[in-house]
């Protein structure tokens, strides 16, 4: 069969029947007079797994930053759960590519997860917060890490803690920025 005779079969979810988690409508971002994103339009319904790929410099990180409210669109709209990003970002869990933190700071995995639950750094942690954090760590196979200092965690253990941190508030949208970077082969398999 010639290529011109092939029929492609795929479906597009019905936009009206599914809750929309992320909606980009003619989104453009210009930084330092350079067009990074131009006229991006797509939507993601609840329950979908989407992988954003492309070459270096294609604008992937800029798009992620726009979803997190760290970069303001020049034009167009970006909505999370039907709300503008600054309102909808409470529904987002995020695992960054680079985990930057002061390795000398005496924090435990528990502290990092509870800080996300509260939105501020915890000086005292309640038993209810500890149990919720334990549940998030259990969900990612990291329950044993709860009282370990973050400075002593391996790459895979750090990734588990950051994933638990992203999941602890039951986000509608989970953003993973290169989630298996700096993780060994066994850790990658477990993570995925």
Foldseek 3Di string as FASTA:
>chain_A
DDPVPDDDDDDDDDPVPFQWFKFWAQFWAADPNRTQDGGDGDTDGFPDDDDDDDDPSNNPVVVVCLLCVNGPTPDTAMDGRNHGSVVRNLQEFEDDPDDDDDLPPFDFLLQLLLCLVVVHGDPDDDPVSLVLLLVLLVVLVRNVRNGPGLSPDAPLNVLSSSSSSRPSVPHSYYYYHPSCPRPDPVSVVSRD
